[in-house]
């Protein structure tokens, strides 16, 4: 498949996906379709469809040391709990739950983020 054909195919797929989508991007400036702070188009909800229910994938870039630390922690936790393995994604889900439920933890994370900015 040539690059031109691939671009055309991808553009057609994108149009098909957005045609059935309850959210569309408004490409022109208007009071309802443009973020006033950045001037960029923002999604505008149209139709009465339910919000997205499918899982959303995130990607996190870790240094090799951070990745090894996470893998080691997951392996140790799995051994402590008598499990074969604990996926890193499950650890992230539990951490997110804790972060939203524990204001003390949330404050420590905010402080750490502030320290990293400085």
N, C-alpha and C. Protein backbone atom coordinates (compact mmCIF):
# COMPACT_ATOMS: atom_id res chain seq x y z
N UNK A 1 0.85 -1.18 0.00
CA UNK A 1 0.00 0.00 0.00
C UNK A 1 0.89 1.24 0.00
N UNK A 2 0.62 2.16 -0.91
CA UNK A 2 1.43 3.37 -1.00
C UNK A 2 1.07 4.32 0.14
N UNK A 3 1.97 5.26 0.39
CA UNK A 3 1.74 6.23 1.47
C UNK A 3 0.50 7.06 1.19
N UNK A 4 0.28 7.42 -0.08
CA UNK A 4 -0.88 8.23 -0.46
C UNK A 4 -2.18 7.45 -0.22
N UNK A 5 -2.17 6.17 -0.62
CA UNK A 5 -3.35 5.33 -0.42
C UNK A 5 -3.61 5.13 1.07
N UNK A 6 -2.56 4.95 1.83
CA UNK A 6 -2.70 4.77 3.27
C UNK A 6 -3.30 6.02 3.92
N UNK A 7 -2.80 7.19 3.51
CA UNK A 7 -3.35 8.44 4.06
C UNK A 7 -4.84 8.57 3.73
N UNK A 8 -5.20 8.25 2.48
CA UNK A 8 -6.60 8.33 2.06
C UNK A 8 -7.45 7.36 2.87
N UNK A 9 -6.94 6.14 3.06
CA UNK A 9 -7.65 5.13 3.84
C UNK A 9 -7.83 5.58 5.29
N UNK A 10 -6.78 6.11 5.89
CA UNK A 10 -6.87 6.58 7.28
C UNK A 10 -7.83 7.76 7.41
N UNK A 11 -7.81 8.66 6.43
CA UNK A 11 -8.72 9.81 6.46
C UNK A 11 -10.17 9.33 6.36
N UNK A 12 -10.43 8.33 5.50
CA UNK A 12 -11.78 7.80 5.35
C UNK A 12 -12.24 7.13 6.65
N UNK A 13 -11.34 6.39 7.29
CA UNK A 13 -11.68 5.76 8.57
C UNK A 13 -12.00 6.81 9.63
N UNK A 14 -11.18 7.86 9.67
CA UNK A 14 -11.40 8.92 10.65
C UNK A 14 -12.75 9.58 10.44
N UNK A 15 -13.10 9.84 9.17
CA UNK A 15 -14.40 10.44 8.88
C UNK A 15 -15.53 9.51 9.32
N UNK A 16 -15.38 8.21 9.08
CA UNK A 16 -16.41 7.24 9.46
C UNK A 16 -16.58 7.19 10.96
N UNK A 17 -15.47 7.25 11.69
CA UNK A 17 -15.54 7.21 13.15
C UNK A 17 -16.20 8.46 13.69
N UNK A 18 -15.79 9.63 13.20
CA UNK A 18 -16.35 10.87 13.73
C UNK A 18 -17.78 11.10 13.28
N UNK A 19 -18.20 10.51 12.15
CA UNK A 19 -19.57 10.67 11.68
C UNK A 19 -20.56 10.04 12.67
N UNK A 20 -20.17 8.96 13.31
CA UNK A 20 -21.05 8.29 14.26
C UNK A 20 -20.80 8.70 15.69
N UNK A 21 -19.89 9.64 15.91
CA UNK A 21 -19.50 10.03 17.26
C UNK A 21 -20.42 11.09 17.83
N UNK A 22 -20.73 11.01 19.14
CA UNK A 22 -21.54 12.04 19.77
C UNK A 22 -20.76 13.31 20.05
N UNK A 23 -19.46 13.28 19.87
CA UNK A 23 -18.62 14.44 20.12
C UNK A 23 -17.95 14.84 18.82
N UNK A 24 -18.06 16.10 18.47
CA UNK A 24 -17.39 16.59 17.28
C UNK A 24 -16.55 17.79 17.65
N UNK A 25 -15.54 18.07 16.85
CA UNK A 25 -14.70 19.22 17.10
C UNK A 25 -15.15 20.37 16.20
N UNK A 26 -15.35 21.50 16.78
CA UNK A 26 -15.76 22.68 16.04
C UNK A 26 -14.51 23.41 15.57
N UNK A 27 -14.25 23.47 14.27
CA UNK A 27 -13.00 24.04 13.79
C UNK A 27 -12.99 25.56 13.69
N UNK A 28 -14.14 26.20 13.88
CA UNK A 28 -14.17 27.65 13.75
C UNK A 28 -14.35 28.30 15.11
N UNK A 29 -13.94 29.55 15.22
CA UNK A 29 -14.06 30.27 16.49
C UNK A 29 -15.52 30.61 16.75
N UNK A 30 -16.00 30.22 17.90
CA UNK A 30 -17.33 30.61 18.35
C UNK A 30 -17.33 30.53 19.87
N UNK A 31 -18.32 31.10 20.47
CA UNK A 31 -18.33 31.13 21.93
C UNK A 31 -18.51 29.73 22.53
N UNK A 32 -19.03 28.78 21.78
CA UNK A 32 -19.24 27.45 22.33
C UNK A 32 -18.23 26.42 21.85
N UNK A 33 -17.43 26.72 20.82
CA UNK A 33 -16.57 25.70 20.26
C UNK A 33 -15.09 25.94 20.38
N UNK A 34 -14.66 27.05 21.01
CA UNK A 34 -13.24 27.34 21.09
C UNK A 34 -12.86 27.65 22.52
N UNK A 35 -11.80 27.04 22.98
CA UNK A 35 -11.28 27.31 24.31
C UNK A 35 -10.71 28.73 24.29
N UNK A 36 -11.26 29.61 25.11
CA UNK A 36 -10.84 31.00 25.08
C UNK A 36 -9.42 31.21 25.57
N UNK A 37 -8.94 30.32 26.45
CA UNK A 37 -7.58 30.47 26.97
C UNK A 37 -6.54 30.14 25.92
N UNK A 38 -6.75 29.06 25.17
CA UNK A 38 -5.74 28.63 24.20
C UNK A 38 -6.11 28.93 22.77
N UNK A 39 -7.39 29.20 22.50
CA UNK A 39 -7.82 29.46 21.14
C UNK A 39 -7.97 28.21 20.30
N UNK A 40 -7.90 27.02 20.92
CA UNK A 40 -8.00 25.77 20.18
C UNK A 40 -9.43 25.25 20.20
N UNK A 41 -9.82 24.51 19.14
CA UNK A 41 -11.16 23.92 19.14
C UNK A 41 -11.31 22.95 20.30
N UNK A 42 -12.51 22.89 20.87
CA UNK A 42 -12.76 21.93 21.94
C UNK A 42 -13.97 21.07 21.56
N UNK A 43 -14.04 19.86 22.08
CA UNK A 43 -15.16 18.98 21.75
C UNK A 43 -16.47 19.59 22.22
N UNK A 44 -17.49 19.42 21.41
CA UNK A 44 -18.83 19.89 21.76
C UNK A 44 -19.75 18.69 21.71
N UNK A 45 -20.48 18.42 22.77
CA UNK A 45 -21.37 17.26 22.84
C UNK A 45 -22.60 17.53 21.99
N UNK A 46 -22.91 16.56 21.12
CA UNK A 46 -24.13 16.62 20.32
C UNK A 46 -24.85 15.31 20.48
N UNK A 47 -26.13 15.29 20.43
CA UNK A 47 -26.90 14.06 20.56
C UNK A 47 -27.10 13.68 22.02
N UNK A 48 -27.80 12.58 22.20
CA UNK A 48 -28.14 12.13 23.56
C UNK A 48 -27.48 10.82 23.92
N UNK A 49 -26.34 10.53 23.38
CA UNK A 49 -25.66 9.27 23.67
C UNK A 49 -25.06 9.29 25.07
N UNK A 50 -24.91 8.08 25.62
CA UNK A 50 -24.30 7.94 26.94
C UNK A 50 -22.81 8.24 26.85
N UNK A 51 -22.21 8.68 27.94
CA UNK A 51 -20.76 8.91 27.94
C UNK A 51 -20.02 7.62 27.67
N UNK A 52 -18.78 7.75 27.25
CA UNK A 52 -17.94 6.60 26.93
C UNK A 52 -17.86 5.65 28.11
N UNK A 53 -18.07 4.36 27.84
CA UNK A 53 -18.02 3.36 28.90
C UNK A 53 -16.85 2.39 28.72
N UNK A 54 -16.25 2.38 27.55
CA UNK A 54 -15.14 1.47 27.29
C UNK A 54 -13.89 1.96 28.02
N UNK A 55 -13.02 1.04 28.44
CA UNK A 55 -11.78 1.46 29.10
C UNK A 55 -10.94 2.37 28.21
N UNK A 56 -10.20 3.25 28.84
CA UNK A 56 -9.33 4.18 28.12
C UNK A 56 -7.89 3.78 28.42
N UNK A 57 -7.09 3.60 27.38
CA UNK A 57 -5.69 3.20 27.54
C UNK A 57 -4.83 4.44 27.73
N UNK A 58 -3.89 4.36 28.68
CA UNK A 58 -2.93 5.43 28.86
C UNK A 58 -1.53 4.85 28.64
N UNK A 59 -0.60 5.71 28.31
CA UNK A 59 0.78 5.30 28.13
C UNK A 59 1.65 6.15 29.03
N UNK A 60 2.56 5.51 29.73
CA UNK A 60 3.47 6.22 30.62
C UNK A 60 4.89 5.83 30.24
N UNK A 61 5.73 6.81 30.00
CA UNK A 61 7.14 6.55 29.71
C UNK A 61 7.90 6.52 31.02
N UNK A 62 8.54 5.38 31.30
CA UNK A 62 9.35 5.22 32.50
C UNK A 62 10.80 5.04 32.10
N UNK A 63 11.68 5.50 32.95
CA UNK A 63 13.10 5.22 32.73
C UNK A 63 13.31 3.73 32.99
N UNK A 64 14.40 3.16 32.50
CA UNK A 64 14.65 1.75 32.79
C UNK A 64 14.69 1.44 34.28
N UNK A 65 15.21 2.35 35.07
CA UNK A 65 15.28 2.14 36.53
C UNK A 65 13.87 2.17 37.12
N UNK A 66 13.04 3.12 36.71
CA UNK A 66 11.67 3.20 37.21
C UNK A 66 10.89 1.94 36.81
N UNK A 67 11.08 1.49 35.58
CA UNK A 67 10.38 0.30 35.11
C UNK A 67 10.80 -0.93 35.93
N UNK A 68 12.08 -1.06 36.16
CA UNK A 68 12.59 -2.18 36.95
C UNK A 68 12.07 -2.12 38.38
N UNK A 69 12.01 -0.92 38.95
CA UNK A 69 11.47 -0.75 40.30
C UNK A 69 10.01 -1.19 40.36
N UNK A 70 9.22 -0.78 39.37
CA UNK A 70 7.81 -1.17 39.33
C UNK A 70 7.68 -2.69 39.17
N UNK A 71 8.43 -3.27 38.27
CA UNK A 71 8.38 -4.73 38.07
C UNK A 71 8.77 -5.47 39.33
N UNK A 72 9.84 -5.00 40.00
CA UNK A 72 10.29 -5.64 41.24
C UNK A 72 9.22 -5.54 42.32
N UNK A 73 8.58 -4.37 42.42
CA UNK A 73 7.54 -4.18 43.43
C UNK A 73 6.37 -5.12 43.14
N UNK A 74 5.96 -5.20 41.88
CA UNK A 74 4.85 -6.09 41.51
C UNK A 74 5.18 -7.54 41.82
N UNK A 75 6.41 -7.94 41.53
CA UNK A 75 6.83 -9.33 41.82
C UNK A 75 6.82 -9.62 43.31
N UNK A 76 7.34 -8.69 44.12
CA UNK A 76 7.36 -8.87 45.57
C UNK A 76 5.95 -8.90 46.14
N UNK A 77 5.07 -8.01 45.65
CA UNK A 77 3.69 -7.98 46.13
C UNK A 77 2.97 -9.27 45.75
N UNK A 78 3.21 -9.76 44.55
CA UNK A 78 2.59 -11.03 44.12
C UNK A 78 3.03 -12.17 45.03
N UNK A 79 4.32 -12.21 45.35
CA UNK A 79 4.83 -13.26 46.25
C UNK A 79 4.20 -13.13 47.64
N UNK A 80 4.10 -11.90 48.15
CA UNK A 80 3.49 -11.67 49.48
C UNK A 80 2.03 -12.11 49.51
N UNK A 81 1.32 -11.93 48.40
CA UNK A 81 -0.11 -12.23 48.34
C UNK A 81 -0.40 -13.64 47.83
N UNK A 82 0.66 -14.39 47.51
CA UNK A 82 0.48 -15.74 47.01
C UNK A 82 -0.09 -15.79 45.60
N UNK A 83 0.21 -14.79 44.81
CA UNK A 83 -0.28 -14.72 43.44
C UNK A 83 0.87 -14.99 42.48
N UNK A 84 0.52 -15.44 41.27
CA UNK A 84 1.55 -15.69 40.26
C UNK A 84 2.18 -14.38 39.80
N UNK A 85 1.35 -13.37 39.59
CA UNK A 85 1.86 -12.06 39.18
C UNK A 85 0.80 -11.00 39.43
N UNK A 86 1.25 -9.76 39.48
CA UNK A 86 0.36 -8.61 39.59
C UNK A 86 0.73 -7.67 38.44
N UNK A 87 -0.20 -7.42 37.53
CA UNK A 87 0.10 -6.52 36.42
C UNK A 87 0.31 -5.08 36.91
N UNK A 88 1.23 -4.39 36.28
CA UNK A 88 1.49 -2.99 36.63
C UNK A 88 0.23 -2.14 36.48
N UNK A 89 -0.59 -2.45 35.49
CA UNK A 89 -1.83 -1.69 35.28
C UNK A 89 -2.75 -1.80 36.50
N UNK A 90 -2.78 -2.96 37.13
CA UNK A 90 -3.62 -3.12 38.32
C UNK A 90 -3.10 -2.26 39.47
N UNK A 91 -1.79 -2.16 39.58
CA UNK A 91 -1.19 -1.31 40.61
C UNK A 91 -1.58 0.14 40.36
N UNK A 92 -1.54 0.57 39.11
CA UNK A 92 -1.92 1.95 38.77
C UNK A 92 -3.38 2.19 39.11
N UNK A 93 -4.26 1.22 38.83
CA UNK A 93 -5.68 1.39 39.16
C UNK A 93 -5.89 1.55 40.66
N UNK A 94 -5.20 0.71 41.46
CA UNK A 94 -5.33 0.80 42.91
C UNK A 94 -4.78 2.14 43.41
N UNK A 95 -3.64 2.55 42.86
CA UNK A 95 -3.08 3.85 43.26
C UNK A 95 -4.02 4.99 42.94
N UNK A 96 -4.68 4.95 41.80
CA UNK A 96 -5.65 5.99 41.45
C UNK A 96 -6.81 6.02 42.43
N UNK A 97 -7.31 4.84 42.78
CA UNK A 97 -8.37 4.77 43.79
C UNK A 97 -7.93 5.39 45.10
N UNK A 98 -6.74 5.01 45.55
CA UNK A 98 -6.22 5.55 46.81
C UNK A 98 -6.03 7.06 46.72
N UNK A 99 -5.54 7.53 45.58
CA UNK A 99 -5.28 8.96 45.38
C UNK A 99 -6.56 9.77 45.49
N UNK A 100 -7.65 9.23 44.97
CA UNK A 100 -8.91 9.97 45.02
C UNK A 100 -9.64 9.81 46.35
N UNK A 101 -9.33 8.74 47.09
CA UNK A 101 -10.01 8.50 48.37
C UNK A 101 -9.25 9.03 49.59
N UNK A 102 -7.97 9.25 49.45
CA UNK A 102 -7.12 9.61 50.60
C UNK A 102 -6.55 11.02 50.39
N UNK A 103 -7.16 12.00 51.06
CA UNK A 103 -6.73 13.39 50.87
C UNK A 103 -5.29 13.61 51.32
N UNK A 104 -4.84 12.90 52.35
CA UNK A 104 -3.45 13.01 52.80
C UNK A 104 -2.48 12.56 51.72
N UNK A 105 -2.78 11.43 51.07
CA UNK A 105 -1.95 10.95 49.98
C UNK A 105 -1.99 11.93 48.81
N UNK A 106 -3.18 12.43 48.50
CA UNK A 106 -3.31 13.39 47.41
C UNK A 106 -2.46 14.63 47.67
N UNK A 107 -2.46 15.11 48.90
CA UNK A 107 -1.67 16.30 49.24
C UNK A 107 -0.18 16.01 49.12
N UNK A 108 0.26 14.82 49.55
CA UNK A 108 1.69 14.46 49.41
C UNK A 108 2.09 14.39 47.94
N UNK A 109 1.21 13.84 47.11
CA UNK A 109 1.50 13.76 45.68
C UNK A 109 1.59 15.16 45.08
N UNK A 110 0.65 16.04 45.46
CA UNK A 110 0.71 17.43 44.97
C UNK A 110 2.01 18.10 45.38
N UNK A 111 2.43 17.88 46.64
CA UNK A 111 3.68 18.48 47.12
C UNK A 111 4.87 17.93 46.33
N UNK A 112 4.89 16.63 46.06
CA UNK A 112 5.97 16.04 45.28
C UNK A 112 6.00 16.62 43.87
N UNK A 113 4.82 16.79 43.27
CA UNK A 113 4.76 17.37 41.92
C UNK A 113 5.26 18.81 41.93
N UNK A 114 4.91 19.55 42.97
CA UNK A 114 5.38 20.93 43.09
C UNK A 114 6.90 20.97 43.25
N UNK A 115 7.45 20.05 44.05
CA UNK A 115 8.90 19.97 44.23
C UNK A 115 9.62 19.66 42.93
N UNK A 116 9.02 18.80 42.09
CA UNK A 116 9.66 18.44 40.82
C UNK A 116 9.66 19.60 39.84
N UNK A 117 8.69 20.49 39.95
CA UNK A 117 8.63 21.66 39.07
C UNK A 117 9.71 22.67 39.41
N UNK A 118 10.08 22.73 40.69
CA UNK A 118 11.02 23.75 41.16
C UNK A 118 12.44 23.48 40.72
